[in-house]
């Protein structure tokens, strides 16, 4: 968790923690579910779910890389 706080501080962006209940509630709205995420966590999309749970809307499709995903959202 310290690495996340350090990365956010370096980038000058806020770091928000999402409650599990909020993450679960937005799963049906995640535009690009991942079977890998579902098998590992029980959630269809962690990055997109977090972005949506914080009240944003997806800015672009989920970005994927080797072993990592990222989702960007616009605040509403």
Protein backbone atom coordinates (compact mmCIF):
# COMPACT_ATOMS: atom_id res chain seq x y z
CA UNK A 1 0.00 0.00 0.00
CA UNK A 2 2.93 2.33 0.61
CA UNK A 3 3.95 1.93 -3.03
CA UNK A 4 0.50 3.06 -4.18
CA UNK A 5 0.64 6.14 -1.97
CA UNK A 6 4.12 6.93 -3.24
CA UNK A 7 3.08 6.52 -6.89
CA UNK A 8 0.06 8.78 -6.39
CA UNK A 9 2.18 11.42 -4.69
CA UNK A 10 4.79 11.27 -7.45
CA UNK A 11 2.10 11.68 -10.11
CA UNK A 12 0.31 14.37 -8.14
CA UNK A 13 -3.02 12.52 -8.19
CA UNK A 14 -5.31 11.61 -5.32
CA UNK A 15 -5.46 8.04 -4.04
CA UNK A 16 -8.93 6.78 -3.14
CA UNK A 17 -9.85 3.49 -1.49
CA UNK A 18 -13.08 1.86 -2.66
CA UNK A 19 -15.33 0.02 -0.23
CA UNK A 20 -15.97 -3.60 -1.21
CA UNK A 21 -19.75 -3.07 -1.18
CA UNK A 22 -19.44 -0.20 -3.69
CA UNK A 23 -17.12 -2.25 -5.90
CA UNK A 24 -19.60 -5.12 -5.97
CA UNK A 25 -22.54 -2.83 -6.74
CA UNK A 26 -21.03 -1.48 -9.97
CA UNK A 27 -19.87 -4.78 -11.46
CA UNK A 28 -22.86 -5.07 -13.84
CA UNK A 29 -21.88 -1.66 -15.32
CA UNK A 30 -18.24 -2.58 -16.08
CA UNK A 31 -17.89 -2.41 -19.88
CA UNK A 32 -15.00 -4.89 -20.24
CA UNK A 33 -15.26 -7.74 -17.75
CA UNK A 34 -12.26 -10.02 -17.31
CA UNK A 35 -12.50 -13.76 -16.68
CA UNK A 36 -9.01 -13.61 -15.19
CA UNK A 37 -10.14 -11.02 -12.65
CA UNK A 38 -13.32 -12.94 -11.94
CA UNK A 39 -11.41 -16.16 -11.24
CA UNK A 40 -8.84 -14.39 -9.06
CA UNK A 41 -11.11 -12.03 -7.12
CA UNK A 42 -14.76 -12.84 -7.79
CA UNK A 43 -15.17 -9.45 -9.47
CA UNK A 44 -15.52 -8.95 -13.22
CA UNK A 45 -13.36 -5.83 -13.32
CA UNK A 46 -11.35 -4.29 -10.52
CA UNK A 47 -9.90 -1.19 -12.22
CA UNK A 48 -13.12 -0.26 -14.03
CA UNK A 49 -15.17 -1.11 -10.96
CA UNK A 50 -13.11 1.21 -8.80
CA UNK A 51 -13.42 4.04 -11.32
CA UNK A 52 -17.19 3.59 -11.54
CA UNK A 53 -17.64 3.16 -7.79
CA UNK A 54 -16.05 6.55 -7.23
CA UNK A 55 -18.76 8.17 -9.34
CA UNK A 56 -16.94 8.58 -12.61
CA UNK A 57 -17.67 7.39 -16.08
CA UNK A 58 -15.14 5.50 -18.22
CA UNK A 59 -12.87 7.83 -20.20
CA UNK A 60 -11.66 5.03 -22.49
CA UNK A 61 -11.66 1.23 -22.57
CA UNK A 62 -9.69 -0.63 -19.91
CA UNK A 63 -5.95 -0.63 -20.61
CA UNK A 64 -4.31 -4.02 -20.24
CA UNK A 65 -0.72 -5.10 -19.99
CA UNK A 66 1.16 -8.13 -18.82
CA UNK A 67 -0.38 -8.87 -15.43
CA UNK A 68 -1.84 -5.40 -14.91
CA UNK A 69 -4.88 -3.33 -15.89
CA UNK A 70 -5.74 0.32 -15.63
CA UNK A 71 -8.97 2.23 -15.98
CA UNK A 72 -9.37 5.97 -16.32
CA UNK A 73 -12.57 7.77 -15.49
CA UNK A 74 -13.90 11.27 -15.72
CA UNK A 75 -15.49 12.77 -12.65
CA UNK A 76 -19.12 13.70 -13.01
